[in-house]
Amino acid sequence: MKHILRSFLCALLVTALTLGCTPALAKKEGKGAGNGKVKVVDSAKPVKSNKDAKPGKGNRDAKPGQEKKEKQDKKDKKDKKDKKEKLQAESFTVTLLDTRGAALSTNAGSGSFTGIGGHRYSARAAVLPEGAKAKVKWRSGNPSVVSVNANGVLFCKKPGTATITVWINGTALSQSFTLTVAANQSVIENAPNGTASRVYLKGNHLYVDMAVTNDTAQPLAQYPAREVFLKLDGDGEYKSMGILTGMVKQPIQPGQTGTVTFKVMKVDKRVIDLSGAQAGFQIPEAETTPDPETTPDPESTPDPETAPNPAVTPAS
């Protein structure tokens, strides 16, 4: 009898829950099952859908084509990075540029070149194949004559010769070229009396030396001012530098030839090129002495009012 009554009550409870009560879900919490903690969640509460989730890793609702594209993009990036790291330099060429950026040589390796003291030059290395991983190194065999920095900028310090070596770090690739530095000046050998013997720089100033022969009986310690003309290499004509006073450093003895120096102007020694410069001199007009044979005597000049007019013919 008790067994029948128990079955009836169970059936009645199930029917009541089915018809009039809100169903619930039981959810276990905790690290392990059977810990006695149960969380009841209302089944009427909406469950968040992953419909609006961004496609990507772990997203089952992502479109198959888009997910495949993302995987391919990641693979391509990795392959490109690996290829760049594995690509090694096979060769390189060196280009040498002057102070104005013009190419002196596009294949300077194993060549010989002439530079000007005080000027800066640039050398560039182009590594092949393009995109190869390479670190270019530079070294000067004579830094007191030509120095070079990590970017291939060459500075010519003084006359002399230096060997510049460039190589790819970690490889056997190496090239070298020779740079001979000449003084930034123009020298005229055996210059005649009264002409320019040298055009040169001292610091940031340009100077011109004149060859002078002392034809007097006294030592020459001073020299009169002269108008100085200068023509640089590439200029079409001489340009006046103004009337300048010459300096005699050591008195010129009678019958001897010495030097008179003219300080001309301040210049930018990093770009000016005096290798083909020429200079000339002229006596200022104010110092020109008139010739007594050709200059008329003002006392013997006839009065225009009393002198006969050669254009008037007397009547006969």
Protein backbone atom coordinates (compact mmCIF):
# COMPACT_ATOMS: atom_id res chain seq x y z
CA MET A 1 0.00 0.00 0.00
CA LYS A 2 2.83 2.42 0.85
CA HIS A 3 4.49 1.67 -2.44
CA ILE A 4 1.37 2.57 -4.41
CA LEU A 5 0.91 5.79 -2.46
CA ARG A 6 4.49 6.84 -3.12
CA SER A 7 4.15 6.25 -6.87
CA PHE A 8 0.92 8.28 -6.94
CA LEU A 9 2.54 11.27 -5.23
CA CYS A 10 5.50 11.22 -7.59
CA ALA A 11 3.18 11.17 -10.62
CA LEU A 12 1.16 14.04 -9.15
CA LEU A 13 4.33 16.13 -8.61
CA VAL A 14 5.54 15.60 -12.14
CA THR A 15 2.15 16.61 -13.54
CA ALA A 16 2.07 19.78 -11.44
CA LEU A 17 5.55 20.82 -12.61
CA THR A 18 4.66 20.17 -16.23
CA LEU A 19 1.37 22.13 -16.24
CA GLY A 20 1.75 25.09 -13.87
CA CYS A 21 5.41 25.66 -12.94
CA THR A 22 8.26 27.40 -14.88
CA PRO A 23 10.96 24.95 -15.84
CA ALA A 24 14.47 25.64 -14.57
CA LEU A 25 17.90 24.46 -15.39
CA ALA A 26 20.40 23.43 -12.86
CA LYS A 27 24.04 24.24 -13.49
CA LYS A 28 26.87 23.03 -11.38
CA GLU A 29 29.59 25.46 -10.28
CA GLY A 30 33.05 24.89 -8.93
CA LYS A 31 36.15 23.11 -10.04
CA GLY A 32 34.80 19.62 -9.74
CA ALA A 33 31.56 17.85 -10.12
CA GLY A 34 29.65 16.91 -6.98
CA ASN A 35 30.88 19.86 -4.92
CA GLY A 36 27.28 20.58 -3.91
CA LYS A 37 27.07 23.98 -5.50
CA VAL A 38 24.26 24.34 -7.99
CA LYS A 39 23.24 27.47 -9.83
CA VAL A 40 19.71 27.72 -11.11
CA VAL A 41 19.39 29.63 -14.36
CA ASP A 42 16.08 30.90 -15.62
CA SER A 43 15.40 29.25 -18.93
CA ALA A 44 13.42 32.29 -20.05
CA LYS A 45 16.61 34.41 -20.08
CA PRO A 46 17.86 34.80 -23.68
CA VAL A 47 21.12 33.06 -24.50
CA LYS A 48 23.77 35.24 -26.21
CA SER A 49 24.27 34.22 -29.77
CA ASN A 50 27.59 34.29 -31.59
CA LYS A 51 25.88 35.45 -34.74
CA ASP A 52 27.45 38.94 -34.51
CA ALA A 53 30.89 37.72 -33.43
CA LYS A 54 33.84 38.64 -35.62
CA PRO A 55 35.07 35.83 -37.77
CA GLY A 56 38.39 34.44 -36.71
CA LYS A 57 40.07 31.72 -34.78
CA GLY A 58 37.58 29.62 -32.79
CA ASN A 59 34.55 31.24 -34.38
CA ARG A 60 32.36 28.48 -35.81
CA ASP A 61 29.97 30.95 -37.45
CA ALA A 62 32.72 32.67 -39.54
CA LYS A 63 32.38 32.36 -43.28
CA PRO A 64 34.63 29.61 -44.63
CA GLY A 65 36.08 31.82 -47.40
CA GLN A 66 37.00 34.67 -45.06
CA GLU A 67 38.61 32.41 -42.52
CA LYS A 68 40.66 30.79 -45.27
CA LYS A 69 41.80 34.20 -46.55
CA GLU A 70 42.97 35.25 -43.08
CA LYS A 71 44.99 32.07 -42.70
CA GLN A 72 46.55 32.60 -46.14
CA ASP A 73 47.47 36.22 -45.32
CA LYS A 74 49.23 35.13 -42.15
CA LYS A 75 51.10 32.47 -44.05
CA ASP A 76 52.16 34.92 -46.77
CA LYS A 77 53.51 37.38 -44.21
CA LYS A 78 55.48 34.68 -42.50
CA ASP A 79 56.86 33.39 -45.81
CA LYS A 80 57.90 36.90 -46.84
CA LYS A 81 59.69 37.47 -43.55
CA ASP A 82 61.45 34.11 -43.75
CA LYS A 83 62.48 34.77 -47.36
CA LYS A 84 63.97 38.17 -46.49
CA GLU A 85 65.93 36.68 -43.61
CA LYS A 86 67.22 33.85 -45.78
CA LEU A 87 68.05 36.10 -48.82
CA GLN A 88 71.80 36.77 -48.72
CA ALA A 89 73.84 39.36 -50.62
CA GLU A 90 75.55 38.01 -53.73
CA SER A 91 77.29 41.16 -55.01
CA PHE A 92 77.28 44.96 -54.74
CA THR A 93 78.39 48.08 -56.62
CA VAL A 94 79.78 51.36 -55.25
CA THR A 95 78.77 54.81 -56.57
CA LEU A 96 80.99 57.82 -55.77
CA LEU A 97 79.38 61.29 -55.68
CA ASP A 98 80.99 64.75 -55.56
CA THR A 99 80.10 67.67 -53.27
CA ARG A 100 77.10 68.61 -55.43
CA GLY A 101 75.75 65.05 -55.65
CA ALA A 102 76.90 64.40 -59.22
CA ALA A 103 78.20 60.89 -59.89
CA LEU A 104 81.95 60.67 -60.34
CA SER A 105 81.65 56.92 -60.91
CA THR A 106 78.82 54.37 -60.78
CA ASN A 107 81.26 51.50 -60.32
CA ALA A 108 84.00 52.86 -58.08
CA GLY A 109 85.25 49.46 -56.87
CA SER A 110 88.99 49.00 -57.56
CA GLY A 111 89.21 52.50 -59.15
CA SER A 112 91.39 55.56 -58.46
CA PHE A 113 90.01 59.06 -58.00
CA THR A 114 91.22 62.56 -57.12
CA GLY A 115 89.59 64.64 -54.41
CA ILE A 116 90.04 68.25 -53.29
CA GLY A 117 91.19 69.12 -49.81
CA GLY A 118 88.37 70.41 -47.61
CA HIS A 119 85.65 68.79 -49.73
CA ARG A 120 83.19 66.06 -48.76
CA TYR A 121 82.26 63.17 -51.05
CA SER A 122 79.65 60.43 -50.70
CA ALA A 123 79.90 56.73 -51.51
CA ARG A 124 76.86 54.44 -51.79
CA ALA A 125 76.71 50.65 -51.98
CA ALA A 126 73.90 48.94 -53.92
CA VAL A 127 73.47 45.32 -52.78
CA LEU A 128 72.20 42.57 -55.10
CA PRO A 129 69.79 40.86 -55.17
CA GLU A 130 67.47 43.68 -54.16
CA GLY A 131 66.06 43.22 -50.67
CA ALA A 132 68.91 41.02 -49.47
CA LYS A 133 69.79 41.29 -45.82
CA ALA A 134 73.14 43.14 -45.67
CA LYS A 135 75.04 45.52 -43.41
CA VAL A 136 77.54 47.70 -45.29
CA LYS A 137 80.81 48.62 -43.56
CA TRP A 138 83.35 51.34 -44.48
CA ARG A 139 87.00 51.86 -43.54
CA SER A 140 89.76 54.32 -44.50
CA GLY A 141 93.33 53.09 -44.70
CA ASN A 142 94.63 56.61 -43.95
CA PRO A 143 92.13 58.50 -41.74
CA SER A 144 94.45 61.50 -41.36
CA VAL A 145 94.07 62.14 -45.12
CA VAL A 146 90.51 60.87 -45.76
CA SER A 147 88.01 59.93 -43.07
CA VAL A 148 84.81 57.95 -43.70
CA ASN A 149 81.77 57.45 -41.46
CA ALA A 150 79.24 54.62 -41.22
CA ASN A 151 77.11 56.20 -43.97
CA GLY A 152 79.91 56.34 -46.54
CA VAL A 153 80.57 60.12 -46.25
CA LEU A 154 84.21 60.87 -47.13
CA PHE A 155 86.02 63.99 -45.86
CA CYS A 156 89.27 65.00 -47.53
CA LYS A 157 91.43 66.49 -44.77
CA LYS A 158 94.81 67.15 -46.40
CA PRO A 159 96.90 66.22 -49.46
CA GLY A 160 97.80 62.54 -49.61
CA THR A 161 96.40 59.16 -50.62
CA ALA A 162 93.98 56.84 -48.83
CA THR A 163 92.49 53.47 -49.71
CA ILE A 164 88.78 53.18 -48.93
CA THR A 165 87.49 49.66 -48.27
CA VAL A 166 83.80 48.69 -48.28
CA TRP A 167 82.46 45.24 -47.42
CA ILE A 168 79.27 43.40 -46.50
CA ASN A 169 79.42 42.34 -42.88
CA GLY A 170 79.34 38.58 -42.35
CA THR A 171 80.28 37.79 -45.97
CA ALA A 172 83.41 37.61 -48.11
CA LEU A 173 82.17 40.43 -50.39
CA SER A 174 84.63 43.35 -50.38
CA GLN A 175 85.78 46.19 -52.68
CA SER A 176 88.24 49.06 -52.37
CA PHE A 177 89.18 52.23 -54.25
CA THR A 178 91.92 54.84 -53.95
CA LEU A 179 91.28 58.52 -53.27
CA THR A 180 94.15 60.98 -53.79
CA VAL A 181 93.62 64.37 -52.16
CA ALA A 182 95.07 67.49 -53.84
CA ALA A 183 95.37 70.93 -52.27
CA ASN A 184 92.57 73.31 -53.22
CA GLN A 185 94.69 75.76 -55.20
CA SER A 186 95.92 76.83 -58.62
CA VAL A 187 99.68 77.24 -59.13
CA ILE A 188 101.23 79.03 -62.13
CA GLU A 189 104.85 78.01 -62.58
CA ASN A 190 107.39 80.69 -63.61
CA ALA A 191 104.78 83.45 -63.52
CA PRO A 192 106.00 86.67 -65.25
CA ASN A 193 106.49 89.88 -63.29
CA GLY A 194 103.22 91.44 -62.18
CA THR A 195 101.08 88.34 -62.78
CA ALA A 196 99.38 85.80 -60.50
CA SER A 197 101.56 82.92 -59.32
CA ARG A 198 99.07 81.16 -57.04
CA VAL A 199 95.36 81.18 -56.10
CA TYR A 200 94.69 79.34 -52.83
CA LEU A 201 92.76 79.10 -49.58
CA LYS A 202 93.80 79.85 -46.03
CA GLY A 203 90.98 78.93 -43.68
CA ASN A 204 87.78 80.32 -45.19
CA HIS A 205 89.50 83.10 -47.17
CA LEU A 206 90.74 83.16 -50.74
CA TYR A 207 94.19 84.62 -51.45
CA VAL A 208 96.08 85.52 -54.63
CA ASP A 209 99.87 85.76 -54.85
CA MET A 210 101.53 88.04 -57.39
CA ALA A 211 105.08 87.53 -58.68
CA VAL A 212 106.96 90.86 -58.40
CA THR A 213 110.49 91.68 -59.53
CA ASN A 214 112.18 94.59 -57.76
CA ASP A 215 113.74 96.78 -60.45
CA THR A 216 114.71 99.54 -58.03
CA ALA A 217 117.86 100.06 -56.02
CA GLN A 218 116.03 99.82 -52.69
CA PRO A 219 114.38 96.85 -50.93
CA LEU A 220 110.67 96.66 -51.72
CA ALA A 221 108.66 96.45 -48.47
CA GLN A 222 105.36 97.91 -49.66
CA TYR A 223 103.32 97.54 -52.81
CA PRO A 224 100.63 99.86 -54.19
CA ALA A 225 96.99 98.76 -54.37
CA ARG A 226 95.77 96.94 -57.44
CA GLU A 227 92.39 95.99 -58.84
CA VAL A 228 92.22 92.20 -58.67
CA PHE A 229 90.33 90.09 -61.21
CA LEU A 230 89.42 86.43 -60.68
CA LYS A 231 88.18 83.67 -62.98
CA LEU A 232 87.24 80.31 -61.49
CA ASP A 233 87.22 77.09 -63.48
CA GLY A 234 84.03 77.06 -65.52
CA ASP A 235 83.49 80.84 -65.44
CA GLY A 236 83.43 82.51 -68.83
CA GLU A 237 85.13 85.78 -67.89
CA TYR A 238 87.14 87.55 -65.23
CA LYS A 239 85.25 89.26 -62.42
CA SER A 240 86.54 92.24 -60.50
CA MET A 241 87.18 91.60 -56.81
CA GLY A 242 87.75 95.30 -56.13
CA ILE A 243 90.85 97.40 -55.42
CA LEU A 244 92.97 95.59 -52.84
CA THR A 245 96.20 96.34 -51.01
CA GLY A 246 99.04 93.87 -51.43
CA MET A 247 101.03 92.55 -48.48
CA VAL A 248 104.78 92.05 -48.72
CA LYS A 249 105.70 89.48 -46.07
CA GLN A 250 109.45 89.72 -46.69
CA PRO A 251 111.11 92.73 -48.35
CA ILE A 252 112.09 92.02 -51.94
CA GLN A 253 115.73 92.85 -52.53
CA PRO A 254 116.88 94.78 -55.62
CA GLY A 255 117.01 92.58 -58.68
CA GLN A 256 115.17 89.77 -56.91
CA THR A 257 111.66 88.35 -57.50
CA GLY A 258 109.34 87.97 -54.54
CA THR A 259 105.69 87.58 -53.68
CA VAL A 260 102.97 90.11 -52.94
CA THR A 261 99.82 88.62 -51.37
CA PHE A 262 96.25 89.91 -51.82
CA LYS A 263 93.50 88.80 -49.43
CA VAL A 264 90.50 88.61 -51.77
CA MET A 265 87.32 87.39 -50.02
CA LYS A 266 85.66 84.90 -47.68
CA VAL A 267 84.39 81.71 -49.35
CA ASP A 268 82.79 78.35 -48.56
CA LYS A 269 85.81 76.04 -48.69
CA ARG A 270 83.54 72.96 -48.74
CA VAL A 271 82.31 73.64 -52.28
CA ILE A 272 84.67 76.07 -54.03
CA ASP A 273 87.10 74.53 -56.52
CA LEU A 274 90.30 76.48 -57.27
CA SER A 275 92.01 73.80 -59.35
CA GLY A 276 91.59 75.84 -62.57
CA ALA A 277 91.39 79.36 -61.12
CA GLN A 278 93.13 82.33 -62.77
CA ALA A 279 93.77 85.87 -61.53
CA GLY A 280 94.82 89.18 -63.04
CA PHE A 281 95.74 92.67 -61.88
CA GLN A 282 95.20 96.19 -63.11
CA ILE A 283 96.54 99.56 -61.98
CA PRO A 284 93.65 101.74 -60.73
CA GLU A 285 92.79 104.62 -63.06
CA ALA A 286 93.45 107.20 -60.33
CA GLU A 287 97.10 106.11 -60.21
CA THR A 288 97.63 106.20 -63.96
CA THR A 289 100.29 108.81 -64.80
CA PRO A 290 99.45 110.92 -67.91
CA ASP A 291 101.92 110.91 -70.78
CA PRO A 292 103.35 114.47 -71.21
CA GLU A 293 103.86 113.93 -74.95
CA THR A 294 100.19 113.19 -75.59
CA THR A 295 98.58 115.40 -72.92
CA PRO A 296 97.77 118.90 -74.23
CA ASP A 297 99.19 121.93 -72.39
CA PRO A 298 96.25 123.97 -71.01
CA GLU A 299 98.28 127.21 -71.46
CA SER A 300 98.75 126.58 -75.17
CA THR A 301 95.14 125.73 -75.85
CA PRO A 302 93.58 128.40 -78.12
CA ASP A 303 90.62 130.45 -76.93
CA PRO A 304 87.52 129.21 -78.80
CA GLU A 305 86.22 132.80 -79.00
CA THR A 306 89.32 134.18 -80.74
CA ALA A 307 90.51 131.15 -82.61
CA PRO A 308 89.45 130.88 -86.26
CA ASN A 309 86.63 128.52 -87.05
CA PRO A 310 87.87 126.04 -89.66
CA ALA A 311 84.28 125.42 -90.69
CA VAL A 312 83.85 129.06 -91.80
CA THR A 313 85.29 129.89 -95.22
CA PRO A 314 86.22 133.55 -95.68
CA ALA A 315 84.54 135.42 -98.52
CA SER A 316 86.66 136.15 -101.58
